[in-house]
Protein backbone atom coordinates (compact mmCIF):
# COMPACT_ATOMS: atom_id res chain seq x y z
CA UNK A 1 13.82 28.31 1.06
CA UNK A 2 13.58 24.64 2.25
CA UNK A 3 14.01 24.12 5.80
CA UNK A 4 16.43 20.87 6.60
CA UNK A 5 13.83 19.46 9.01
CA UNK A 6 10.13 18.68 9.70
CA UNK A 7 8.57 17.71 12.60
CA UNK A 8 5.39 15.39 12.58
CA UNK A 9 2.86 15.82 15.42
CA UNK A 10 2.03 12.13 16.27
CA UNK A 11 1.80 12.08 19.90
CA UNK A 12 -1.90 12.97 20.60
CA UNK A 13 -4.71 10.34 22.36
CA UNK A 14 -6.58 10.54 19.38
CA UNK A 15 -9.84 10.48 21.66
CA UNK A 16 -12.11 11.68 18.91
CA UNK A 17 -11.32 8.12 17.16
CA UNK A 18 -12.96 6.33 19.82
CA UNK A 19 -12.44 2.52 19.69
CA UNK A 20 -10.12 2.92 16.77
CA UNK A 21 -7.44 4.18 19.35
CA UNK A 22 -8.08 1.70 21.91
CA UNK A 23 -5.36 -0.46 21.12
CA UNK A 24 -3.25 1.72 18.62
CA UNK A 25 -2.07 5.53 18.36
CA UNK A 26 -3.98 7.43 15.80
CA UNK A 27 -1.10 7.72 13.46
CA UNK A 28 -1.28 4.15 12.73
CA UNK A 29 -4.78 4.00 11.65
CA UNK A 30 -5.11 3.10 8.09
CA UNK A 31 -6.37 5.36 5.11
CA UNK A 32 -6.35 4.09 1.65
CA UNK A 33 -4.62 1.06 2.68
CA UNK A 34 -1.57 2.67 4.68
CA UNK A 35 -1.10 4.27 8.11
CA UNK A 36 -1.85 7.99 8.39
CA UNK A 37 1.64 8.33 9.41
CA UNK A 38 2.97 6.92 6.05
CA UNK A 39 0.89 9.92 4.11
CA UNK A 40 2.81 12.38 6.26
CA UNK A 41 6.33 10.49 5.59
CA UNK A 42 5.54 10.33 1.94
CA UNK A 43 5.32 14.37 1.97
CA UNK A 44 8.21 14.73 3.64
CA UNK A 45 10.44 12.41 2.14
CA UNK A 46 9.08 13.68 -1.55
CA UNK A 47 9.96 16.97 -0.28
CA UNK A 48 13.44 16.10 0.12
CA UNK A 49 13.98 17.28 3.70
CA UNK A 50 16.99 15.93 5.30
CA UNK A 51 15.76 15.36 8.72
CA UNK A 52 12.16 14.00 9.70
CA UNK A 53 11.21 13.98 13.51
CA UNK A 54 7.96 12.62 14.85
CA UNK A 55 6.75 12.90 18.41
CA UNK A 56 5.26 10.07 20.33
CA UNK A 57 3.37 9.60 23.56
CA UNK A 58 0.29 7.41 23.53
CA UNK A 59 0.64 3.90 22.82
CA UNK A 60 4.05 4.55 21.47
CA UNK A 61 5.67 0.83 20.60
CA UNK A 62 3.89 0.20 17.38
CA UNK A 63 4.75 3.87 16.13
CA UNK A 64 8.32 3.85 17.29
CA UNK A 65 8.87 0.46 15.40
CA UNK A 66 6.98 1.80 12.38
CA UNK A 67 9.44 4.85 12.22
CA UNK A 68 12.49 2.91 12.55
CA UNK A 69 14.83 3.95 9.69
CA UNK A 70 12.30 6.90 8.09
CA UNK A 71 12.15 9.11 11.29
CA UNK A 72 13.77 10.34 14.42
CA UNK A 73 11.49 9.74 17.42
CA UNK A 74 11.23 12.37 20.24
CA UNK A 75 9.32 10.40 22.99
CA UNK A 76 7.29 12.58 25.59
CA UNK A 77 6.50 10.83 29.00
CA UNK A 78 3.50 13.57 29.07
CA UNK A 79 1.71 15.30 26.65
CA UNK A 80 3.52 18.64 25.86
CA UNK A 81 1.06 19.97 23.32
CA UNK A 82 2.42 21.42 20.11
CA UNK A 83 4.70 24.16 21.53
CA UNK A 84 6.33 22.13 23.95
CA UNK A 85 6.47 19.03 21.81
CA UNK A 86 8.33 21.10 19.28
CA UNK A 87 10.61 22.63 22.01
CA UNK A 88 11.57 19.15 23.09
CA UNK A 89 12.09 18.09 19.49
CA UNK A 90 14.89 20.97 18.78
CA UNK A 91 17.91 18.93 19.59
CA UNK A 92 17.01 16.60 16.96
CA UNK A 93 15.46 19.34 14.56
CA UNK A 94 18.52 21.54 14.67
CA UNK A 95 18.64 25.19 14.24
CA UNK A 96 16.83 27.40 11.84
CA UNK A 97 13.10 27.30 10.64
CA UNK A 98 11.42 24.04 10.34
CA UNK A 99 8.63 22.72 8.90
CA UNK A 100 5.91 21.23 11.23
CA UNK A 101 3.18 18.62 9.75
CA UNK A 102 0.04 17.20 11.65
CA UNK A 103 0.06 13.35 11.13
CA UNK A 104 -3.94 13.31 10.99
CA UNK A 105 -4.61 14.75 7.66
CA UNK A 106 -4.36 13.28 4.06
CA UNK A 107 -3.47 15.79 1.03
CA UNK A 108 -4.20 15.97 -2.86
CA UNK A 109 -2.57 18.57 -5.18
CA UNK A 110 0.93 20.21 -4.78
CA UNK A 111 3.09 18.81 -1.94
CA UNK A 112 2.46 21.24 0.96
CA UNK A 113 5.79 21.27 1.94
CA UNK A 114 6.87 22.22 -1.29
CA UNK A 115 4.22 24.89 -1.39
CA UNK A 116 5.38 26.36 1.98
CA UNK A 117 9.21 26.38 0.74
CA UNK A 118 8.37 28.29 -2.48
CA UNK A 119 6.54 30.86 -0.63
CA UNK A 120 9.07 31.35 2.58
CA UNK A 121 10.61 35.01 2.63
CA UNK A 122 13.02 36.70 4.75
CA UNK A 123 11.44 38.61 7.56
CA UNK A 124 8.79 35.83 8.12
CA UNK A 125 8.64 34.07 11.26
CA UNK A 126 5.52 31.97 10.58
CA UNK A 127 4.15 30.82 7.30
CA UNK A 128 0.77 28.76 7.69
CA UNK A 129 -0.72 26.86 4.90
CA UNK A 130 -4.41 27.72 4.89
CA UNK A 131 -7.82 27.18 2.78
CA UNK A 132 -10.80 29.26 2.82
CA UNK A 133 -13.19 28.64 5.68
CA UNK A 134 -16.31 29.55 3.58
CA UNK A 135 -19.10 30.92 5.79
CA UNK A 136 -18.00 28.89 8.63
CA UNK A 137 -15.57 30.68 11.18
CA UNK A 138 -12.08 30.70 10.26
CA UNK A 139 -8.86 30.50 12.13
CA UNK A 140 -7.40 33.59 10.66
CA UNK A 141 -7.97 36.68 8.55
CA UNK A 142 -5.36 37.68 5.87
CA UNK A 143 -4.47 41.03 4.61
CA UNK A 144 -3.30 41.83 0.86
CA UNK A 145 0.50 41.19 2.00
CA UNK A 146 -0.76 37.86 3.61
CA UNK A 147 -0.17 38.80 7.18
CA UNK A 148 -2.22 37.16 9.52
CA UNK A 149 -4.72 38.15 12.13
CA UNK A 150 -7.09 35.94 14.45
CA UNK A 151 -10.68 35.85 12.73
CA UNK A 152 -12.37 35.58 16.26
CA UNK A 153 -15.47 34.03 14.74
CA UNK A 154 -15.65 35.51 11.47
CA UNK A 155 -15.24 33.59 8.10
CA UNK A 156 -11.71 33.53 6.90
CA UNK A 157 -9.27 30.81 6.72
CA UNK A 158 -8.70 27.30 8.11
CA UNK A 159 -5.23 26.32 9.30
CA UNK A 160 -4.53 23.07 7.81
CA UNK A 161 -1.93 21.78 10.15
CA UNK A 162 1.49 22.46 7.73
CA UNK A 163 3.76 25.39 8.33
CA UNK A 164 7.08 26.81 8.20
CA UNK A 165 8.03 28.25 11.83
CA UNK A 166 10.99 29.96 13.11
CA UNK A 167 11.67 28.29 16.71
CA UNK A 168 13.56 31.20 18.66
CA UNK A 169 10.79 32.59 20.70
CA UNK A 170 9.82 28.61 22.11
CA UNK A 171 12.81 29.48 24.49
CA UNK A 172 11.16 32.41 26.27
CA UNK A 173 7.87 30.25 27.31
CA UNK A 174 8.10 29.30 30.80
CA UNK A 175 5.76 26.59 30.74
CA UNK A 176 6.74 22.94 29.79
CA UNK A 177 3.42 22.36 28.38
CA UNK A 178 1.84 24.91 25.79
CA UNK A 179 0.29 25.32 22.22
CA UNK A 180 2.04 27.09 19.23
CA UNK A 181 -1.16 29.43 19.62
CA UNK A 182 0.91 31.25 22.29
CA UNK A 183 3.68 31.67 19.72
CA UNK A 184 1.75 32.57 16.64
CA UNK A 185 0.13 35.24 18.81
CA UNK A 186 3.44 37.00 19.51
CA UNK A 187 4.12 36.74 15.69
CA UNK A 188 1.08 38.05 14.51
CA UNK A 189 1.61 41.25 16.96
CA UNK A 190 4.86 41.51 15.43
CA UNK A 191 3.64 41.24 11.88
CA UNK A 192 5.59 38.44 11.18
CA UNK A 193 3.00 35.67 10.75
CA UNK A 194 1.83 35.33 7.38
CA UNK A 195 -0.46 32.72 5.49
CA UNK A 196 -0.68 30.97 2.13
CA UNK A 197 -3.59 29.07 0.32
CA UNK A 198 -3.04 25.35 -0.27
CA UNK A 199 -3.46 24.32 -4.01
CA UNK A 200 -5.39 21.22 -3.64
CA UNK A 201 -7.48 19.05 -1.57
CA UNK A 202 -7.09 18.43 2.16
CA UNK A 203 -9.16 16.24 4.35
CA UNK A 204 -8.92 15.92 8.43
CA UNK A 205 -8.91 12.68 9.57
CA UNK A 206 -9.54 13.38 13.35
CA UNK A 207 -12.83 11.70 13.42
CA UNK A 208 -13.91 7.96 12.08
CA UNK A 209 -16.09 9.79 9.33
CA UNK A 210 -12.74 11.35 8.26
CA UNK A 211 -11.34 7.86 7.04
CA UNK A 212 -14.02 7.45 4.69
CA UNK A 213 -14.05 11.29 3.53
CA UNK A 214 -10.13 11.24 2.89
CA UNK A 215 -10.46 7.80 0.83
CA UNK A 216 -13.05 9.52 -1.42
CA UNK A 217 -10.87 12.46 -1.86
CA UNK A 218 -8.03 10.09 -2.80
CA UNK A 219 -10.08 8.05 -5.21
CA UNK A 220 -11.01 11.34 -7.19
CA UNK A 221 -7.40 12.22 -7.83
């Protein structure tokens, strides 16, 4: 099943980027000759998603101008975190499950949104794209049926910042600002949060050293 909409998270301060985000938002930092946000937009466009929404907050002017004609903008006067930001954008995203995609990563291999759409099944509330964490602590463990549990410091699987999520539970959260971890934990308890392993490469570009690492990964493709 293909969700009709994708939410690209692009509102953060990018403080781990240091001086690189002093005058621009992190999604406008270039990797391999184009802004990070363009890597995310290209995935959404290639997957054929009908509605693309990105949230903004920090230094939004250049990002908003760059998104014109390619994505709708959900501007946040204050940072609402992933859960609050997604809930605020729901009038633009529409009903039903949605893709969410972090804007600070670069991918190779199969389009992550296509992978998720192919793996989505009835009865799921969340399907998260993952990679093995190796010996390092993971975010989640996964059983034979793909159901997720918290790794709690043990090796397992790392969340890569792409998922399909049902949004029904967002309305019940009282706080304006909250993380999607709150929603995931409820879904884990219900046995409706699942994982899927990405078939390809992935590089986090949350710190300056991630730029060179991502460019090296892309050059090897």
